[in-house]
Amino acid sequence: MLFAIYQEDGPNAKEIRARTRETHLAYLDAHMDILVLGGGLITDDNSGYVGSLFIINVPSRQAAEEFSASEPYRKAGLFKTVKISRMRRGQWNPAAAPATVLGN
């Protein structure tokens, strides 16, 4: 089942991201088998992060909750809100994805 995890940054986000980044990336690398898509949510002018979004493929809501609760950014208190929603795949077109991480 697919789940979308939408997280909005809280106070001190820049410091928490900097301190936890390597652990966060290692966690994602260890979960590549379930991570369909993930990335930081950024301001329109690319001046900073405002949150994160993951789409994961796991067998249950409990598994999605466990993935989220164990994610280092969340454990460090980065997010003021976390919303987890089950989703259907719908359209799928990886060829339309941008060539660079910032979508240029």
N, C-alpha and C. Protein backbone atom coordinates (compact mmCIF):
# COMPACT_ATOMS: atom_id res chain seq x y z
N MET A 1 0.83 -1.18 0.00
CA MET A 1 0.00 0.00 0.00
C MET A 1 0.87 1.24 0.00
N LEU A 2 0.43 2.23 -0.71
CA LEU A 2 1.16 3.49 -0.74
C LEU A 2 0.65 4.42 0.36
N PHE A 3 1.58 5.11 1.00
CA PHE A 3 1.25 6.13 1.98
C PHE A 3 2.08 7.37 1.67
N ALA A 4 1.43 8.52 1.74
CA ALA A 4 2.12 9.80 1.62
C ALA A 4 2.32 10.34 3.03
N ILE A 5 3.54 10.80 3.30
CA ILE A 5 3.86 11.39 4.60
C ILE A 5 4.28 12.83 4.34
N TYR A 6 3.43 13.77 4.76
CA TYR A 6 3.64 15.20 4.53
C TYR A 6 3.98 15.84 5.87
N GLN A 7 5.14 16.50 5.93
CA GLN A 7 5.65 17.03 7.20
C GLN A 7 6.05 18.48 7.02
N GLU A 8 5.59 19.33 7.92
CA GLU A 8 5.93 20.75 7.88
C GLU A 8 6.93 21.06 8.98
N ASP A 9 7.97 21.82 8.62
CA ASP A 9 9.00 22.19 9.58
C ASP A 9 8.45 23.05 10.71
N GLY A 10 9.05 22.88 11.88
CA GLY A 10 8.73 23.70 13.04
C GLY A 10 9.88 24.65 13.34
N PRO A 11 9.88 25.20 14.55
CA PRO A 11 10.94 26.12 14.96
C PRO A 11 12.32 25.44 14.95
N ASN A 12 13.33 26.22 14.74
CA ASN A 12 14.73 25.75 14.75
C ASN A 12 15.02 24.71 13.67
N ALA A 13 14.25 24.74 12.60
CA ALA A 13 14.36 23.72 11.56
C ALA A 13 15.75 23.69 10.92
N LYS A 14 16.28 24.84 10.63
CA LYS A 14 17.59 24.88 9.95
C LYS A 14 18.66 24.19 10.78
N GLU A 15 18.69 24.48 12.06
CA GLU A 15 19.69 23.88 12.96
C GLU A 15 19.46 22.38 13.10
N ILE A 16 18.20 21.97 13.25
CA ILE A 16 17.89 20.54 13.40
C ILE A 16 18.25 19.79 12.13
N ARG A 17 17.92 20.34 10.98
CA ARG A 17 18.28 19.69 9.71
C ARG A 17 19.79 19.52 9.60
N ALA A 18 20.53 20.56 9.90
CA ALA A 18 22.00 20.49 9.78
C ALA A 18 22.58 19.43 10.72
N ARG A 19 22.08 19.38 11.92
CA ARG A 19 22.61 18.46 12.93
C ARG A 19 22.25 17.00 12.62
N THR A 20 21.12 16.77 11.95
CA THR A 20 20.58 15.43 11.78
C THR A 20 20.69 14.91 10.34
N ARG A 21 21.18 15.71 9.44
CA ARG A 21 21.16 15.38 8.01
C ARG A 21 21.80 14.03 7.67
N GLU A 22 22.98 13.77 8.15
CA GLU A 22 23.67 12.52 7.79
C GLU A 22 22.91 11.29 8.29
N THR A 23 22.37 11.36 9.49
CA THR A 23 21.59 10.25 10.04
C THR A 23 20.30 10.06 9.23
N HIS A 24 19.68 11.17 8.86
CA HIS A 24 18.47 11.14 8.03
C HIS A 24 18.75 10.46 6.69
N LEU A 25 19.83 10.85 6.02
CA LEU A 25 20.16 10.26 4.72
C LEU A 25 20.49 8.77 4.85
N ALA A 26 21.18 8.39 5.91
CA ALA A 26 21.49 6.97 6.14
C ALA A 26 20.21 6.17 6.37
N TYR A 27 19.26 6.76 7.08
CA TYR A 27 17.97 6.10 7.32
C TYR A 27 17.24 5.86 6.00
N LEU A 28 17.22 6.87 5.15
CA LEU A 28 16.56 6.71 3.85
C LEU A 28 17.27 5.66 3.00
N ASP A 29 18.59 5.67 2.99
CA ASP A 29 19.34 4.66 2.25
C ASP A 29 18.98 3.25 2.73
N ALA A 30 18.81 3.09 4.04
CA ALA A 30 18.48 1.78 4.61
C ALA A 30 17.05 1.34 4.28
N HIS A 31 16.23 2.28 3.82
CA HIS A 31 14.82 1.98 3.51
C HIS A 31 14.48 2.17 2.03
N MET A 32 15.48 2.07 1.17
CA MET A 32 15.23 2.25 -0.26
C MET A 32 14.26 1.21 -0.81
N ASP A 33 14.12 0.09 -0.12
CA ASP A 33 13.20 -0.95 -0.59
C ASP A 33 11.73 -0.54 -0.47
N ILE A 34 11.43 0.48 0.34
CA ILE A 34 10.04 0.94 0.49
C ILE A 34 9.84 2.38 0.04
N LEU A 35 10.92 3.11 -0.16
CA LEU A 35 10.82 4.53 -0.50
C LEU A 35 10.58 4.69 -2.00
N VAL A 36 9.38 5.14 -2.35
CA VAL A 36 9.02 5.36 -3.75
C VAL A 36 9.51 6.73 -4.20
N LEU A 37 9.31 7.72 -3.37
CA LEU A 37 9.71 9.09 -3.68
C LEU A 37 9.88 9.83 -2.37
N GLY A 38 10.87 10.66 -2.29
CA GLY A 38 11.05 11.48 -1.10
C GLY A 38 11.84 12.71 -1.42
N GLY A 39 11.56 13.77 -0.69
CA GLY A 39 12.32 14.98 -0.90
C GLY A 39 11.90 16.09 0.03
N GLY A 40 12.78 17.08 0.13
CA GLY A 40 12.48 18.25 0.93
C GLY A 40 11.52 19.17 0.21
N LEU A 41 10.62 19.77 0.96
CA LEU A 41 9.74 20.80 0.42
C LEU A 41 10.47 22.12 0.56
N ILE A 42 10.54 22.89 -0.51
CA ILE A 42 11.33 24.12 -0.50
C ILE A 42 10.48 25.33 -0.85
N THR A 43 10.98 26.49 -0.48
CA THR A 43 10.31 27.73 -0.82
C THR A 43 10.37 27.94 -2.34
N ASP A 44 9.45 28.74 -2.85
CA ASP A 44 9.42 29.00 -4.29
C ASP A 44 10.71 29.62 -4.80
N ASP A 45 11.37 30.41 -3.96
CA ASP A 45 12.61 31.06 -4.40
C ASP A 45 13.86 30.24 -4.04
N ASN A 46 13.66 28.99 -3.57
CA ASN A 46 14.75 28.09 -3.22
C ASN A 46 15.63 28.63 -2.09
N SER A 47 15.06 29.43 -1.21
CA SER A 47 15.87 30.00 -0.13
C SER A 47 15.92 29.11 1.11
N GLY A 48 15.15 28.05 1.13
CA GLY A 48 15.21 27.16 2.28
C GLY A 48 14.13 26.10 2.25
N TYR A 49 14.21 25.20 3.21
CA TYR A 49 13.25 24.11 3.34
C TYR A 49 12.06 24.54 4.20
N VAL A 50 10.91 23.94 3.89
CA VAL A 50 9.72 24.18 4.70
C VAL A 50 9.09 22.87 5.18
N GLY A 51 9.65 21.75 4.78
CA GLY A 51 9.13 20.45 5.19
C GLY A 51 9.71 19.32 4.36
N SER A 52 9.04 18.17 4.43
CA SER A 52 9.47 16.99 3.70
C SER A 52 8.24 16.21 3.24
N LEU A 53 8.43 15.45 2.17
CA LEU A 53 7.37 14.58 1.66
C LEU A 53 7.98 13.23 1.30
N PHE A 54 7.35 12.18 1.76
CA PHE A 54 7.72 10.82 1.38
C PHE A 54 6.51 10.11 0.83
N ILE A 55 6.72 9.28 -0.17
CA ILE A 55 5.73 8.31 -0.58
C ILE A 55 6.41 6.96 -0.40
N ILE A 56 5.79 6.13 0.45
CA ILE A 56 6.38 4.83 0.76
C ILE A 56 5.39 3.71 0.43
N ASN A 57 5.93 2.53 0.18
CA ASN A 57 5.14 1.36 -0.14
C ASN A 57 5.35 0.34 0.98
N VAL A 58 4.36 0.25 1.87
CA VAL A 58 4.44 -0.64 3.03
C VAL A 58 3.13 -1.42 3.16
N PRO A 59 3.12 -2.50 3.93
CA PRO A 59 1.93 -3.35 3.99
C PRO A 59 0.78 -2.81 4.85
N SER A 60 1.02 -1.78 5.67
CA SER A 60 -0.04 -1.34 6.57
C SER A 60 0.21 0.09 7.06
N ARG A 61 -0.85 0.70 7.62
CA ARG A 61 -0.70 2.01 8.24
C ARG A 61 0.29 1.93 9.40
N GLN A 62 0.25 0.86 10.16
CA GLN A 62 1.18 0.70 11.27
C GLN A 62 2.62 0.77 10.78
N ALA A 63 2.92 0.12 9.66
CA ALA A 63 4.28 0.17 9.10
C ALA A 63 4.64 1.58 8.67
N ALA A 64 3.67 2.31 8.11
CA ALA A 64 3.92 3.70 7.72
C ALA A 64 4.19 4.57 8.95
N GLU A 65 3.40 4.37 9.99
CA GLU A 65 3.59 5.11 11.24
C GLU A 65 4.96 4.81 11.85
N GLU A 66 5.36 3.55 11.82
CA GLU A 66 6.66 3.16 12.38
C GLU A 66 7.81 3.77 11.58
N PHE A 67 7.71 3.74 10.25
CA PHE A 67 8.73 4.37 9.42
C PHE A 67 8.87 5.84 9.79
N SER A 68 7.74 6.53 9.87
CA SER A 68 7.74 7.96 10.17
C SER A 68 8.28 8.25 11.57
N ALA A 69 7.82 7.50 12.54
CA ALA A 69 8.23 7.74 13.94
C ALA A 69 9.72 7.49 14.15
N SER A 70 10.31 6.60 13.34
CA SER A 70 11.73 6.28 13.48
C SER A 70 12.64 7.14 12.62
N GLU A 71 12.06 7.95 11.74
CA GLU A 71 12.85 8.79 10.84
C GLU A 71 13.61 9.84 11.66
N PRO A 72 14.91 9.97 11.48
CA PRO A 72 15.72 10.85 12.33
C PRO A 72 15.27 12.30 12.41
N TYR A 73 14.82 12.90 11.33
CA TYR A 73 14.34 14.28 11.41
C TYR A 73 13.14 14.38 12.35
N ARG A 74 12.24 13.43 12.23
CA ARG A 74 11.07 13.46 13.12
C ARG A 74 11.47 13.21 14.56
N LYS A 75 12.33 12.24 14.78
CA LYS A 75 12.79 11.95 16.15
C LYS A 75 13.49 13.15 16.78
N ALA A 76 14.14 13.97 15.96
CA ALA A 76 14.86 15.15 16.46
C ALA A 76 13.92 16.33 16.71
N GLY A 77 12.64 16.19 16.37
CA GLY A 77 11.68 17.26 16.61
C GLY A 77 11.62 18.31 15.52
N LEU A 78 12.03 17.96 14.31
CA LEU A 78 12.05 18.93 13.21
C LEU A 78 10.66 19.41 12.82
N PHE A 79 9.67 18.55 12.87
CA PHE A 79 8.38 18.87 12.27
C PHE A 79 7.34 19.36 13.27
N LYS A 80 6.59 20.39 12.87
CA LYS A 80 5.47 20.85 13.70
C LYS A 80 4.21 20.07 13.38
N THR A 81 4.11 19.55 12.15
CA THR A 81 2.98 18.71 11.77
C THR A 81 3.46 17.54 10.92
N VAL A 82 2.80 16.41 11.10
CA VAL A 82 3.04 15.22 10.29
C VAL A 82 1.68 14.64 9.93
N LYS A 83 1.44 14.47 8.64
CA LYS A 83 0.19 13.88 8.18
C LYS A 83 0.53 12.67 7.33
N ILE A 84 -0.08 11.55 7.66
CA ILE A 84 0.13 10.31 6.92
C ILE A 84 -1.20 9.91 6.31
N SER A 85 -1.22 9.75 4.99
CA SER A 85 -2.45 9.40 4.28
C SER A 85 -2.19 8.25 3.32
N ARG A 86 -3.08 7.30 3.32
CA ARG A 86 -3.01 6.24 2.33
C ARG A 86 -3.39 6.84 0.98
N MET A 87 -2.79 6.34 -0.07
CA MET A 87 -3.08 6.87 -1.39
C MET A 87 -3.11 5.75 -2.42
N ARG A 88 -3.74 6.03 -3.53
CA ARG A 88 -3.70 5.10 -4.64
C ARG A 88 -2.65 5.59 -5.63
N ARG A 89 -2.11 4.70 -6.41
CA ARG A 89 -1.04 5.07 -7.33
C ARG A 89 -1.49 6.06 -8.39
N GLY A 90 -2.60 5.86 -9.02
CA GLY A 90 -3.05 6.78 -10.06
C GLY A 90 -2.04 6.86 -11.20
N GLN A 91 -1.84 8.05 -11.71
CA GLN A 91 -0.90 8.24 -12.82
C GLN A 91 0.53 8.05 -12.33
N TRP A 92 1.34 7.50 -13.20
CA TRP A 92 2.73 7.23 -12.86
C TRP A 92 3.56 7.53 -14.10
N ASN A 93 4.40 8.55 -14.03
CA ASN A 93 5.17 8.95 -15.19
C ASN A 93 6.56 9.44 -14.76
N PRO A 94 7.45 8.53 -14.38
CA PRO A 94 8.79 8.95 -13.96
C PRO A 94 9.54 9.74 -15.03
N ALA A 95 9.21 9.54 -16.29
CA ALA A 95 9.89 10.27 -17.37
C ALA A 95 9.64 11.77 -17.29
N ALA A 96 8.56 12.19 -16.63
CA ALA A 96 8.24 13.61 -16.50
C ALA A 96 8.99 14.27 -15.34
N ALA A 97 9.70 13.48 -14.55
CA ALA A 97 10.45 14.04 -13.42
C ALA A 97 11.58 14.93 -13.93
N PRO A 98 11.92 15.97 -13.17
CA PRO A 98 13.02 16.86 -13.59
C PRO A 98 14.37 16.15 -13.55
N ALA A 99 15.29 16.67 -14.32
CA ALA A 99 16.62 16.08 -14.42
C ALA A 99 17.48 16.39 -13.20
N THR A 100 17.16 17.48 -12.47
CA THR A 100 17.97 17.85 -11.31
C THR A 100 17.12 17.82 -10.05
N VAL A 101 17.76 17.79 -8.90
CA VAL A 101 17.04 17.71 -7.63
C VAL A 101 16.20 18.95 -7.37
N LEU A 102 16.55 20.09 -7.93
CA LEU A 102 15.77 21.31 -7.73
C LEU A 102 14.75 21.54 -8.83
N GLY A 103 14.62 20.60 -9.74
CA GLY A 103 13.60 20.67 -10.76
C GLY A 103 13.92 21.60 -11.92
N ASN A 104 15.18 21.86 -12.16
CA ASN A 104 15.57 22.73 -13.26
C ASN A 104 15.60 21.97 -14.57
